C-alpha atoms as a PDB file:
ATOM      1  CA  MET A   1     217.515 104.238  61.551  1.00  0.00           C
ATOM      2  CA  SER A   2     221.290 104.641  61.639  1.00  0.00           C
ATOM      3  CA  ASN A   3     221.259 104.698  65.426  1.00  0.00           C
ATOM      4  CA  ASN A   4     220.310 100.979  65.431  1.00  0.00           C
ATOM      5  CA  ASN A   5     223.740 100.150  64.020  1.00  0.00           C
ATOM      6  CA  LYS A   6     225.425 101.264  67.241  1.00  0.00           C
ATOM      7  CA  THR A   7     223.589  98.867  69.538  1.00  0.00           C
ATOM      8  CA  ALA A   8     224.938  95.391  70.123  1.00  0.00           C
ATOM      9  CA  ILE A   9     222.327  93.353  68.272  1.00  0.00           C
ATOM     10  CA  ALA A  10     223.374  89.874  67.265  1.00  0.00           C
ATOM     11  CA  ASN A  11     223.672  89.387  63.533  1.00  0.00           C
ATOM     12  CA  THR A  12     222.982  85.669  63.749  1.00  0.00           C
ATOM     13  CA  THR A  13     220.267  83.397  65.054  1.00  0.00           C
ATOM     14  CA  VAL A  14     219.621  83.755  68.780  1.00  0.00           C
ATOM     15  CA  THR A  15     217.604  81.360  70.911  1.00  0.00           C
ATOM     16  CA  ARG A  16     214.900  83.340  72.716  1.00  0.00           C
ATOM     17  CA  ASP A  17     213.033  82.531  75.885  1.00  0.00           C
ATOM     18  CA  LEU A  18     209.358  82.806  74.923  1.00  0.00           C
ATOM     19  CA  ARG A  19     208.500  83.912  78.460  1.00  0.00           C
ATOM     20  CA  GLN A  20     210.409  87.132  77.776  1.00  0.00           C
ATOM     21  CA  LEU A  21     208.232  87.898  74.781  1.00  0.00           C
ATOM     22  CA  ASP A  22     204.853  87.796  76.492  1.00  0.00           C
ATOM     23  CA  THR A  23     205.685  89.726  79.667  1.00  0.00           C
ATOM     24  CA  THR A  24     204.315  93.068  78.408  1.00  0.00           C
ATOM     25  CA  THR A  25     201.311  91.770  76.480  1.00  0.00           C
ATOM     26  CA  SER A  26     200.470  88.557  78.386  1.00  0.00           C
ATOM     27  CA  ASN A  27     199.926  86.929  74.998  1.00  0.00           C
ATOM     28  CA  ILE A  28     202.707  85.492  72.833  1.00  0.00           C
ATOM     29  CA  TYR A  29     200.694  85.959  69.638  1.00  0.00           C
ATOM     30  CA  GLU A  30     200.031  89.609  70.364  1.00  0.00           C
ATOM     31  CA  SER A  31     203.742  90.099  71.047  1.00  0.00           C
ATOM     32  CA  ILE A  32     204.625  88.477  67.721  1.00  0.00           C
ATOM     33  CA  VAL A  33     202.222  90.820  65.912  1.00  0.00           C
ATOM     34  CA  VAL A  34     203.789  93.861  67.585  1.00  0.00           C
ATOM     35  CA  ILE A  35     207.297  92.641  66.732  1.00  0.00           C
ATOM     36  CA  SER A  36     206.382  91.876  63.111  1.00  0.00           C
ATOM     37  CA  LYS A  37     204.770  95.284  62.597  1.00  0.00           C
ATOM     38  CA  ARG A  38     207.837  96.976  64.063  1.00  0.00           C
ATOM     39  CA  ALA A  39     210.122  94.853  61.855  1.00  0.00           C
ATOM     40  CA  ASN A  40     208.130  95.976  58.798  1.00  0.00           C
ATOM     41  CA  GLN A  41     208.561  99.624  59.848  1.00  0.00           C
ATOM     42  CA  ILE A  42     212.299  99.156  60.293  1.00  0.00           C
ATOM     43  CA  ALA A  43     212.639  97.335  56.954  1.00  0.00           C
ATOM     44  CA  SER A  44     210.714 100.066  55.167  1.00  0.00           C
ATOM     45  CA  ASN A  45     212.870 102.798  56.707  1.00  0.00           C
ATOM     46  CA  LEU A  46     216.098 100.956  55.876  1.00  0.00           C
ATOM     47  CA  LYS A  47     214.940 100.376  52.306  1.00  0.00           C
ATOM     48  CA  GLU A  48     214.119 104.073  51.898  1.00  0.00           C
ATOM     49  CA  GLU A  49     217.478 105.055  53.370  1.00  0.00           C
ATOM     50  CA  LEU A  50     219.380 102.640  51.109  1.00  0.00           C
ATOM     51  CA  HIS A  51     217.522 103.738  47.966  1.00  0.00           C
ATOM     52  CA  GLY A  52     218.223 107.360  48.867  1.00  0.00           C
ATOM     53  CA  LYS A  53     221.946 106.706  49.168  1.00  0.00           C
ATOM     54  CA  LEU A  54     222.103 104.597  45.998  1.00  0.00           C
ATOM     55  CA  ALA A  55     220.072 107.157  44.040  1.00  0.00           C
ATOM     56  CA  GLU A  56     223.067 109.491  44.196  1.00  0.00           C
ATOM     57  CA  PHE A  57     224.901 107.075  41.907  1.00  0.00           C
ATOM     58  CA  ALA A  58     222.068 106.638  39.395  1.00  0.00           C
ATOM     59  CA  SER A  59     222.746 107.781  35.872  1.00  0.00           C
ATOM     60  CA  SER A  60     220.012 108.888  33.505  1.00  0.00           C
ATOM     61  CA  ASN A  61     221.585 107.256  30.448  1.00  0.00           C
ATOM     62  CA  ASP A  62     222.488 103.777  31.711  1.00  0.00           C
ATOM     63  CA  ASN A  63     222.687 100.958  29.256  1.00  0.00           C
ATOM     64  CA  LEU A  64     224.314  97.566  29.630  1.00  0.00           C
ATOM     65  CA  GLU A  65     227.590  98.594  28.006  1.00  0.00           C
ATOM     66  CA  GLU A  66     228.032 101.674  30.178  1.00  0.00           C
ATOM     67  CA  VAL A  67     227.356 100.086  33.555  1.00  0.00           C
ATOM     68  CA  PHE A  68     230.521  99.878  35.636  1.00  0.00           C
ATOM     69  CA  GLU A  69     231.376  98.969  39.216  1.00  0.00           C
ATOM     70  CA  ASN A  70     231.266 101.852  41.608  1.00  0.00           C
ATOM     71  CA  ARG A  71     233.385 101.240  44.712  1.00  0.00           C
ATOM     72  CA  GLU A  72     231.313 103.541  46.979  1.00  0.00           C
ATOM     73  CA  GLN A  73     228.047 101.963  45.857  1.00  0.00           C
ATOM     74  CA  ILE A  74     229.415  98.500  46.615  1.00  0.00           C
ATOM     75  CA  GLU A  75     230.597  99.598  50.078  1.00  0.00           C
ATOM     76  CA  ILE A  76     227.168 101.087  50.890  1.00  0.00           C
ATOM     77  CA  SER A  77     225.470  97.858  49.795  1.00  0.00           C
ATOM     78  CA  LYS A  78     227.864  95.739  51.866  1.00  0.00           C
ATOM     79  CA  HIS A  79     227.247  97.943  54.902  1.00  0.00           C
ATOM     80  CA  TYR A  80     223.499  97.347  54.679  1.00  0.00           C
ATOM     81  CA  GLU A  81     224.007  93.611  54.130  1.00  0.00           C
ATOM     82  CA  ARG A  82     226.080  93.370  57.328  1.00  0.00           C
ATOM     83  CA  MET A  83     223.470  95.151  59.437  1.00  0.00           C
ATOM     84  CA  PRO A  84     221.221  93.078  61.709  1.00  0.00           C
ATOM     85  CA  LYS A  85     217.973  92.018  60.092  1.00  0.00           C
ATOM     86  CA  PRO A  86     214.890  94.140  60.886  1.00  0.00           C
ATOM     87  CA  SER A  87     213.297  91.246  62.779  1.00  0.00           C
ATOM     88  CA  LEU A  88     216.313  91.004  65.108  1.00  0.00           C
ATOM     89  CA  ILE A  89     216.241  94.758  65.739  1.00  0.00           C
ATOM     90  CA  ALA A  90     212.485  94.630  66.419  1.00  0.00           C
ATOM     91  CA  ILE A  91     212.832  91.762  68.898  1.00  0.00           C
ATOM     92  CA  ASP A  92     215.620  93.573  70.719  1.00  0.00           C
ATOM     93  CA  GLU A  93     213.563  96.767  70.902  1.00  0.00           C
ATOM     94  CA  PHE A  94     210.509  94.867  72.144  1.00  0.00           C
ATOM     95  CA  ILE A  95     212.397  92.997  74.858  1.00  0.00           C
ATOM     96  CA  ASN A  96     214.055  96.229  76.027  1.00  0.00           C
ATOM     97  CA  ASP A  97     210.711  98.141  76.116  1.00  0.00           C
ATOM     98  CA  LYS A  98     211.682 100.512  73.302  1.00  0.00           C
ATOM     99  CA  VAL A  99     208.489  99.839  71.313  1.00  0.00           C
ATOM    100  CA  TYR A 100     205.249 101.654  72.077  1.00  0.00           C
ATOM    101  CA  HIS A 101     202.222  99.495  71.401  1.00  0.00           C
ATOM    102  CA  ARG A 102     198.602  99.372  72.425  1.00  0.00           C
ATOM    103  CA  ASN A 103     195.642  97.128  71.772  1.00  0.00           C
ATOM    104  CA  PRO A 104     192.434  99.138  71.173  1.00  0.00           C
ATOM    105  CA  SER A 105     190.221  96.059  71.644  1.00  0.00           C
ATOM    106  CA  LYS A 106     191.645  95.496  75.140  1.00  0.00           C
ATOM    107  CA  GLU A 107     191.207  99.176  75.977  1.00  0.00           C
ATOM    108  CA  LYS A 108     187.573  99.014  74.855  1.00  0.00           C
ATOM    109  CA  LYS A 109     186.904  95.957  77.043  1.00  0.00           C
ATOM    110  CA  ASN A 110     188.483  97.672  80.067  1.00  0.00           C
ATOM    111  CA  ASN A 111     186.362 100.806  79.577  1.00  0.00           C
ATOM    112  CA  ASP A 112     183.085  98.870  79.386  1.00  0.00           C
END
């Protein structure tokens, strides 16, 4: 997922033209489902990646008195906080045709 950081995805709210979202599916609701499923995949991957990096700092004998600030851990957390949200990444991927999707019910209707 690190390669998503290098693309120029806005980190703030962006007004979208709904006509852009339904060009590949011909249905805005179907497009939203594809985007939301992709956003969930991205969020899951980012969460796994973050937990993996933070696990390096975990101590087996932590208690409240022994917890201290770790500069590297804070920097890693800040990096992930500054990244674009998974929904923004998913929308960008969808608009730029970087998401593979198919609708089995449509395929079944076309084959009949």
